[in-house]
Structure formats: structure tokens, C-alpha cells
Amino acid sequence: MDFVIYGAQGMALSVYRAIHNLYPSRRIRCFLVSEYGINAKSLAGIPVLELEAFAEKLSQKEKDQIEVFIAVPESVMSDIERELENYGFHCYIRFTSLHWAELMSYFFYKENYFPLSALPIGYHKARMQMFLATFYKDKPLTETYKRPDWMIPIQAGTALCRERVADLLDNEGENISEKNGNYSELTALYWIWKNRLILNSSDTESEYYGLSHYRRILMLSEEDRLRLEDNEVDVVLPYPMIYEPNIEVHHKRYLKKADWEALLAALKEIHPQDKDRMLNILQQQYFYNYNILLARKKVLSDYCSWLFPILSRAEELSEPKGCSRKDRYIGYMGETLTTLYFMANRDRLNIVHTGCRFLI
């Protein structure tokens, strides 16, 4: 049976690389998309084809011999399934975030991006607070998710609305809540930094602090809590996404050229040694999406102390300036800087990885 992958972005390419690496005998025939749009015409040396044109060249018997791996965001998977059915493809598999995480755990283990689940279970349950960034415009979830006690909702962008959707608000204490239109979930991270990591620096309630999103949850089990302290884990990050030819395609998709130049200028000004490292890292293919992580208190504080001055200076240098726009561009910069910081500190920090569950 032939296999094809529906999708042509980081998730789809990551699925291809993992299958090709782990199961080399499986032939992936092509990538499929509804239409090219911003998608490349080929990935990993195999073609990216539009579904309609691909289907027209096949008989129904040939279609019945093709299995489609759906590797797109879960929110559109049902639409893709209907589209596949309409064109006569009836054998397909959803690569949900849970399936994707399981596949990536095997692939990245071989790539030396160590999975948290591969660590031995210890005896000490980590004291942790994972903050869950919520927004007043978030749509209700259609699936049930039981939130553990250590996961704490925090409303991001509280200063910009009257509605309240969480008990903890990012406009209390020292904050940048009013900048949420550009910083997105990073206004919640800033609040954590200033009001949990610095203000309560002598607090021993938790050893680990982190940030997830309303619909994107860093996958951590109760067993995983027993793996953190006894294995001296410094940081837990989502498995990186794979981009081709390198991760520069991510910022080119989400950032204007002038904003990218402002970020490089801010790096050169504040941390000149990091600009060259960043340019080198941008030539590799692994990228940490979503501004999601869990880290030891000091590690997260050090990261935030490095991150936010760069973002603030980039905001000052960008045109138009951040105060006159709301297009999440600082949030996208944060993802790039997350990749830079933790890729550059892989030898210094004990970094492990886990999946990122997408809720719909």
C-alpha cells in the first residue's frame, strides 16, 4: 500500500521525517494540500500536490490502495476527512497531537532530543505550577479535559477587556497586560516572571514553573512529576517542529522583514554575542513553537531576564511601533528567541521534551 501525507507545514514534514527514519521501508508517495497557497511545491525531495489534481489521475481502485496520514491542526481534521471522502479516499488516519507526540518521542530519542518519558521514575514528586494562558475570546472546548491542581488558569490581556475568565489576572502587580495584542501569551509569562519568580523569590512552594495555553497543553503526567527532580531536569519543552530548508521559513511566514530586522538589531545591541549564534541556529531545521515550557524557577527567571529586554527593544525599533498595532508579532519573535536560547544552552542545561496536546 502507498502512503501519502495530507499537509505541507512543520507538522507534516515532522511526520514524514519520523516515518522515513523509523520505518524506511514505507514509501511516502507525496504530500497533499487543498491548494498550494504559501505551501512549497516539494518537501524532503518528494512532491507537494493539490488534492483535486492528484485524485483526477487515479482510478477508484488505485485510491483504495492509498493510505492518507492527516498531519494538520486538529481543528480542521474533520474538514479534511470530508474532503478526502468527496474525492474517493476512504483509508486515512488522523495524526492527532497525541499520536504525533508518540511518534516524535521515538524519532527525537534517536536525534538526541531526549524525551521526558524515557527518564526513570524517581521518588520525589516535583512541586510545580503550570500556568494556563486564557483569553476572553477563547471558544468553549468541545472535548473534556480534566485540569490537574497544579495547572492554574491566568487571563492574558485582562487590561484590554471587561470580561473575566480566570481568577488570576495578568493586569495585577507588575505587568504588561495592555500589550497583549502584540505579546499574546507572553503577557502571562511576564506576569509569572515578575510576580512569582522575582517578587516571591524566597518562596519554596514550587520548584518548577511554566506556561501552557488554553488549547495547547504541555503533556505532563503524574508519573512525569516523579521524573523531574530526581533526574535533575532543568527544562521541559515541546518536541521541536521541523521546517525545510531551515527554520528561517517560520519567521518569514509570520514576521515582516522590518520587524525581523528590528529583532536582529535588538539582539546585536543588547547581546551582541547572541546575534551570530542566532544566525547559525536559524540554519538548522528544529524550532520550538508556541512559547510553551516548564523549567526550574531559576532557569525560567534567567530566561525571562534575557528574553523580555530584547522584545522590549525590538518593539521600540519596529515600524510601526508596537503601541500602534496589534498583530501578535512580538509573540512570534518570542518563539524564535525560545529556540535560540535553549538551542544555544543545550550543553549547559538538562533539557528534555514531551508532546503538546491540542484541545478542540
Protein backbone atom coordinates (compact mmCIF):
# COMPACT_ATOMS: atom_id res chain seq x y z
CA MET A 1 0.00 0.00 0.00
CA ASP A 2 1.20 3.51 -0.85
CA PHE A 3 1.16 6.25 1.74
CA VAL A 4 0.63 9.99 1.35
CA ILE A 5 0.67 12.77 3.94
CA TYR A 6 -2.02 15.41 3.97
CA GLY A 7 -0.37 18.69 4.96
CA ALA A 8 2.77 20.55 3.95
CA GLN A 9 3.86 22.53 7.00
CA GLY A 10 6.03 21.70 10.02
CA MET A 11 3.72 19.03 11.43
CA ALA A 12 3.51 17.16 8.13
CA LEU A 13 7.24 17.37 7.47
CA SER A 14 7.94 16.13 11.01
CA VAL A 15 5.68 13.12 10.42
CA TYR A 16 7.48 12.37 7.16
CA ARG A 17 10.95 12.61 8.72
CA ALA A 18 9.97 10.37 11.61
CA ILE A 19 8.35 7.69 9.41
CA HIS A 20 11.21 7.81 6.91
CA ASN A 21 13.75 7.48 9.72
CA LEU A 22 11.97 4.86 11.81
CA TYR A 23 10.29 2.84 9.03
CA PRO A 24 12.45 3.29 5.91
CA SER A 25 10.64 0.53 4.03
CA ARG A 26 7.42 2.59 3.96
CA ARG A 27 7.16 4.63 0.80
CA ILE A 28 5.65 8.09 1.16
CA ARG A 29 4.37 8.98 -2.29
CA CYS A 30 3.67 12.71 -1.86
CA PHE A 31 2.27 15.44 0.35
CA LEU A 32 -1.27 16.64 -0.36
CA VAL A 33 -2.82 20.08 0.13
CA SER A 34 -6.17 21.62 -0.78
CA GLU A 35 -4.33 24.32 -2.72
CA TYR A 36 -0.75 25.49 -2.93
CA GLY A 37 -1.15 28.94 -1.44
CA ILE A 38 2.00 29.52 0.61
CA ASN A 39 2.95 25.84 0.53
CA ALA A 40 6.13 24.67 -1.16
CA LYS A 41 5.95 22.58 -4.34
CA SER A 42 8.10 19.87 -2.78
CA LEU A 43 9.31 18.77 0.65
CA ALA A 44 12.08 16.34 1.54
CA GLY A 45 12.57 15.67 -2.17
CA ILE A 46 9.02 14.47 -2.82
CA PRO A 47 6.22 16.47 -4.46
CA VAL A 48 3.51 18.51 -2.79
CA LEU A 49 0.33 18.05 -4.86
CA GLU A 50 -3.10 19.60 -4.81
CA LEU A 51 -5.73 17.03 -3.80
CA GLU A 52 -8.06 17.62 -6.74
CA ALA A 53 -5.33 17.23 -9.36
CA PHE A 54 -3.93 14.14 -7.60
CA ALA A 55 -7.36 12.50 -7.38
CA GLU A 56 -8.18 13.11 -11.05
CA LYS A 57 -5.24 10.96 -12.17
CA LEU A 58 -6.25 7.92 -10.13
CA SER A 59 -8.88 5.24 -10.59
CA GLN A 60 -11.03 4.30 -7.60
CA LYS A 61 -9.11 1.05 -7.31
CA GLU A 62 -5.86 3.00 -7.03
CA LYS A 63 -7.37 5.31 -4.43
CA ASP A 64 -8.40 2.32 -2.37
CA GLN A 65 -4.73 1.27 -2.23
CA ILE A 66 -3.59 4.59 -0.75
CA GLU A 67 -3.49 5.38 2.98
CA VAL A 68 -3.54 9.06 3.90
CA PHE A 69 -1.83 10.32 7.06
CA ILE A 70 -3.60 13.54 8.07
CA ALA A 71 -0.96 15.81 9.65
CA VAL A 72 -2.66 19.18 10.11
CA PRO A 73 -4.07 21.03 13.15
CA GLU A 74 -6.81 19.00 14.79
CA SER A 75 -9.33 21.81 14.45
CA VAL A 76 -9.51 21.21 10.66
CA MET A 77 -9.13 17.43 10.57
CA SER A 78 -12.84 16.74 10.19
CA ASP A 79 -12.97 19.12 7.21
CA ILE A 80 -10.02 17.30 5.63
CA GLU A 81 -11.71 13.94 6.13
CA ARG A 82 -14.84 15.17 4.34
CA GLU A 83 -12.69 16.49 1.52
CA LEU A 84 -10.87 13.18 1.18
CA GLU A 85 -14.16 11.27 1.14
CA ASN A 86 -15.50 13.57 -1.58
CA TYR A 87 -12.52 12.69 -3.77
CA GLY A 88 -12.81 8.95 -3.15
CA PHE A 89 -10.14 8.39 -0.48
CA HIS A 90 -11.56 6.27 2.31
CA CYS A 91 -8.44 4.99 4.07
CA TYR A 92 -7.00 7.70 6.28
CA ILE A 93 -5.53 8.14 9.75
CA ARG A 94 -5.54 11.22 11.94
CA PHE A 95 -2.18 12.17 13.37
CA THR A 96 -3.62 13.88 16.42
CA SER A 97 -1.33 15.67 18.82
CA LEU A 98 -1.25 12.53 20.98
CA HIS A 99 -0.23 10.33 18.03
CA TRP A 100 2.26 12.96 16.87
CA ALA A 101 3.87 13.12 20.31
CA GLU A 102 4.24 9.33 20.48
CA LEU A 103 5.87 9.21 17.05
CA MET A 104 8.16 12.14 17.85
CA SER A 105 9.28 10.54 21.12
CA TYR A 106 10.87 7.69 19.15
CA PHE A 107 12.27 9.92 16.43
CA PHE A 108 13.80 12.58 18.66
CA TYR A 109 15.25 9.99 21.03
CA LYS A 110 17.46 8.93 18.13
CA GLU A 111 18.17 12.60 17.38
CA ASN A 112 19.43 13.24 20.93
CA TYR A 113 16.44 15.40 21.91
CA PHE A 114 15.67 13.34 24.98
CA PRO A 115 12.03 12.51 25.85
CA LEU A 116 10.93 13.12 29.43
CA SER A 117 9.10 9.77 29.36
CA ALA A 118 12.40 7.93 28.82
CA LEU A 119 13.76 9.04 32.21
CA PRO A 120 13.45 6.67 35.19
CA ILE A 121 10.66 7.38 37.65
CA GLY A 122 12.04 8.84 40.88
CA TYR A 123 10.74 9.18 44.43
CA HIS A 124 10.15 12.92 44.78
CA LYS A 125 7.08 14.47 43.19
CA ALA A 126 8.08 17.83 41.78
CA ARG A 127 6.41 20.90 43.25
CA MET A 128 5.21 22.80 40.21
CA GLN A 129 2.89 25.48 38.91
CA MET A 130 1.94 25.36 35.25
CA PHE A 131 0.03 28.50 34.30
CA LEU A 132 -2.63 28.15 31.61
CA ALA A 133 -2.96 31.30 29.49
CA THR A 134 -6.62 32.03 28.74
CA PHE A 135 -8.27 34.82 26.76
CA TYR A 136 -11.78 36.19 26.93
CA LYS A 137 -12.45 35.34 23.28
CA ASP A 138 -11.49 31.67 23.65
CA LYS A 139 -14.23 29.40 22.35
CA PRO A 140 -15.56 26.67 24.66
CA LEU A 141 -13.82 23.32 24.32
CA THR A 142 -15.78 20.55 22.64
CA GLU A 143 -13.80 17.81 24.39
CA THR A 144 -13.39 17.14 28.09
CA TYR A 145 -10.05 17.89 29.71
CA LYS A 146 -9.52 17.33 33.42
CA ARG A 147 -7.16 20.02 34.59
CA PRO A 148 -4.75 18.91 37.34
CA ASP A 149 -4.46 21.01 40.51
CA TRP A 150 -1.01 22.28 39.58
CA MET A 151 -2.33 23.82 36.34
CA ILE A 152 -3.53 27.36 37.09
CA PRO A 153 -5.55 29.44 34.60
CA ILE A 154 -4.36 33.02 34.15
CA GLN A 155 -6.24 35.51 32.00
CA ALA A 156 -3.95 37.12 29.43
CA GLY A 157 -4.77 40.59 28.12
CA THR A 158 -7.05 41.36 31.07
CA ALA A 159 -6.34 45.09 30.79
CA LEU A 160 -7.95 45.17 27.34
CA CYS A 161 -11.40 43.87 28.26
CA ARG A 162 -14.07 43.89 30.95
CA GLU A 163 -14.78 40.16 30.84
CA ARG A 164 -13.14 37.86 33.37
CA VAL A 165 -12.49 34.21 32.52
CA ALA A 166 -9.98 33.28 35.26
CA ASP A 167 -9.38 34.09 38.91
CA LEU A 168 -5.76 35.02 38.26
CA LEU A 169 -5.34 38.13 36.09
CA ASP A 170 -2.26 39.34 34.22
CA ASN A 171 -3.03 43.02 34.94
CA GLU A 172 -2.36 42.72 38.66
CA GLY A 173 1.01 43.52 40.19
CA GLU A 174 3.82 44.39 37.79
CA ASN A 175 2.56 43.65 34.30
CA ILE A 176 2.39 44.41 30.57
CA SER A 177 -1.19 43.23 30.15
CA GLU A 178 -2.09 46.15 27.88
CA LYS A 179 0.47 44.89 25.33
CA ASN A 180 -1.31 41.56 24.84
CA GLY A 181 -2.30 42.39 21.25
CA ASN A 182 1.38 42.07 20.29
CA TYR A 183 2.81 39.89 23.08
CA SER A 184 -0.08 37.40 23.16
CA GLU A 185 0.55 34.69 25.79
CA LEU A 186 3.86 36.35 26.70
CA THR A 187 2.00 38.90 28.85
CA ALA A 188 1.16 35.93 31.08
CA LEU A 189 4.80 34.80 31.10
CA TYR A 190 5.89 38.33 32.03
CA TRP A 191 3.43 38.29 34.94
CA ILE A 192 4.80 34.94 36.13
CA TRP A 193 8.35 36.30 35.95
CA LYS A 194 7.66 39.49 37.86
CA ASN A 195 5.09 38.24 40.37
CA ARG A 196 6.09 34.64 41.04
CA LEU A 197 9.77 34.26 40.18
CA ILE A 198 11.07 37.65 41.36
CA LEU A 199 8.56 39.03 43.85
CA ASN A 200 8.34 35.69 45.63
CA SER A 201 11.96 34.70 45.03
CA SER A 202 12.27 33.19 48.53
CA ASP A 203 9.07 31.19 48.11
CA THR A 204 9.66 27.44 48.29
CA GLU A 205 6.14 26.41 47.31
CA SER A 206 7.22 25.27 43.84
CA GLU A 207 10.49 24.28 42.19
CA TYR A 208 9.15 24.29 38.63
CA TYR A 209 7.11 26.97 36.86
CA GLY A 210 5.76 27.01 33.34
CA LEU A 211 3.27 28.22 30.76
CA SER A 212 0.79 26.38 28.56
CA HIS A 213 -2.20 27.67 26.57
CA TYR A 214 -5.95 27.23 26.78
CA ARG A 215 -5.89 24.83 23.81
CA ARG A 216 -2.23 23.76 23.82
CA ILE A 217 -1.16 21.84 26.87
CA LEU A 218 2.36 20.60 27.59
CA MET A 219 1.84 16.89 28.16
CA LEU A 220 2.87 16.11 31.74
CA SER A 221 1.58 13.15 33.73
CA GLU A 222 1.75 12.47 37.45
CA GLU A 223 4.50 9.95 36.64
CA ASP A 224 6.39 12.72 34.85
CA ARG A 225 6.33 14.77 38.07
CA LEU A 226 8.34 11.93 39.62
CA ARG A 227 10.92 12.21 36.85
CA LEU A 228 11.82 15.87 37.19
CA GLU A 229 13.73 16.48 40.44
CA ASP A 230 15.40 13.09 40.82
CA ASN A 231 16.75 13.33 37.25
CA GLU A 232 17.79 16.96 37.74
CA VAL A 233 15.71 18.17 34.80
CA ASP A 234 16.14 21.89 34.13
CA VAL A 235 13.67 22.43 31.29
CA VAL A 236 10.80 20.57 29.61
CA LEU A 237 10.00 21.78 26.08
CA PRO A 238 7.59 20.53 23.41
CA TYR A 239 9.21 18.39 20.75
CA PRO A 240 10.55 20.78 18.13
CA MET A 241 8.79 21.18 14.81
CA ILE A 242 10.79 20.52 11.63
CA TYR A 243 10.99 23.10 8.84
CA GLU A 244 12.59 23.00 5.40
CA PRO A 245 15.08 24.16 4.24
CA ASN A 246 15.61 25.67 7.72
CA ILE A 247 13.70 27.46 10.45
CA GLU A 248 14.01 30.84 8.74
CA VAL A 249 10.84 29.92 6.85
CA HIS A 250 8.92 30.28 10.13
CA HIS A 251 9.79 33.91 10.73
CA LYS A 252 9.39 34.75 7.05
CA ARG A 253 5.83 33.45 7.27
CA TYR A 254 4.85 35.35 10.40
CA LEU A 255 7.10 38.43 10.60
CA LYS A 256 7.53 41.38 8.28
CA LYS A 257 11.06 42.00 7.07
CA ALA A 258 11.27 45.27 9.01
CA ASP A 259 10.23 43.54 12.24
CA TRP A 260 12.80 40.81 11.71
CA GLU A 261 15.50 43.42 11.20
CA ALA A 262 14.36 45.16 14.39
CA LEU A 263 14.77 41.90 16.32
CA LEU A 264 18.29 41.36 14.95
CA ALA A 265 19.18 44.95 15.79
CA ALA A 266 17.89 44.50 19.35
CA LEU A 267 19.94 41.32 19.75
CA LYS A 268 23.08 42.97 18.44
CA GLU A 269 22.61 45.91 20.78
CA ILE A 270 21.79 44.00 23.99
CA HIS A 271 23.55 40.66 23.46
CA PRO A 272 25.96 41.07 20.53
CA GLN A 273 27.39 37.59 21.10
CA ASP A 274 23.94 36.07 20.51
CA LYS A 275 23.36 37.53 17.07
CA ASP A 276 25.97 35.30 15.43
CA ARG A 277 24.73 32.28 17.37
CA MET A 278 21.20 33.06 16.29
CA LEU A 279 22.13 33.27 12.64
CA ASN A 280 23.82 29.87 12.92
CA ILE A 281 20.84 28.31 14.70
CA LEU A 282 18.50 29.69 12.04
CA GLN A 283 20.24 27.46 9.53
CA GLN A 284 19.10 24.27 11.27
CA GLN A 285 15.65 22.72 11.00
CA TYR A 286 14.32 22.33 14.54
CA PHE A 287 12.08 25.04 16.02
CA TYR A 288 10.33 25.38 19.39
CA ASN A 289 6.80 26.62 18.73
CA TYR A 290 4.11 28.09 20.95
CA ASN A 291 6.06 29.81 23.80
CA ILE A 292 5.30 26.79 25.98
CA LEU A 293 7.70 25.36 28.57
CA LEU A 294 8.25 24.18 32.11
CA ALA A 295 11.51 25.00 33.90
CA ARG A 296 13.18 25.23 37.25
CA LYS A 297 12.41 28.52 38.93
CA LYS A 298 15.91 29.96 38.45
CA VAL A 299 16.20 28.73 34.87
CA LEU A 300 12.87 30.30 33.90
CA SER A 301 13.81 33.53 35.67
CA ASP A 302 17.16 33.67 33.84
CA TYR A 303 15.40 33.04 30.54
CA CYS A 304 12.82 35.78 31.13
CA SER A 305 15.56 38.21 32.20
CA TRP A 306 17.21 37.57 28.84
CA LEU A 307 14.03 37.47 26.75
CA PHE A 308 11.95 40.50 27.72
CA PRO A 309 14.59 43.23 27.34
CA ILE A 310 15.21 42.01 23.78
CA LEU A 311 11.49 42.03 22.98
CA SER A 312 11.05 45.47 24.53
CA ARG A 313 13.89 46.91 22.46
CA ALA A 314 12.63 45.23 19.29
CA GLU A 315 9.24 46.80 19.98
CA GLU A 316 10.88 50.23 20.19
CA LEU A 317 12.81 49.70 16.96
CA SER A 318 9.95 48.24 14.91
CA GLU A 319 7.93 50.33 12.44
CA PRO A 320 5.15 50.93 13.06
CA LYS A 321 5.91 50.75 16.75
CA GLY A 322 4.16 48.21 18.89
CA CYS A 323 1.94 50.77 20.62
CA SER A 324 0.15 51.46 17.32
CA ARG A 325 -0.52 47.87 16.21
CA LYS A 326 -1.95 44.56 17.42
CA ASP A 327 -0.70 41.72 15.21
CA ARG A 328 0.99 39.32 17.67
CA TYR A 329 4.39 39.96 16.10
CA ILE A 330 6.18 40.06 19.47
CA GLY A 331 4.71 36.65 20.30
CA TYR A 332 6.21 35.22 17.09
CA MET A 333 9.54 36.80 17.97
CA GLY A 334 9.31 35.05 21.33
CA GLU A 335 9.12 31.64 19.65
CA THR A 336 12.27 32.38 17.68
CA LEU A 337 14.06 33.57 20.81
CA THR A 338 12.92 30.48 22.72
CA THR A 339 14.57 28.38 20.04
CA LEU A 340 17.74 30.48 20.14
CA TYR A 341 18.08 30.48 23.91
CA PHE A 342 17.56 26.79 24.55
CA MET A 343 19.39 25.59 21.46
CA ALA A 344 22.34 27.76 22.49
CA ASN A 345 22.26 26.39 26.06
CA ARG A 346 21.77 22.69 25.31
CA ASP A 347 25.18 21.82 26.77
CA ARG A 348 24.60 23.85 29.95
CA LEU A 349 21.02 22.84 30.75
CA ASN A 350 19.42 19.44 31.17
CA ILE A 351 16.64 19.80 28.58
CA VAL A 352 14.04 17.10 27.95
CA HIS A 353 10.97 17.02 25.74
CA THR A 354 7.36 15.95 25.67
CA GLY A 355 4.32 16.36 23.47
CA CYS A 356 1.97 19.30 23.25
CA ARG A 357 -1.69 18.27 23.39
CA PHE A 358 -4.08 20.25 21.19
CA LEU A 359 -7.60 20.58 22.53
CA ILE A 360 -10.60 21.34 20.32
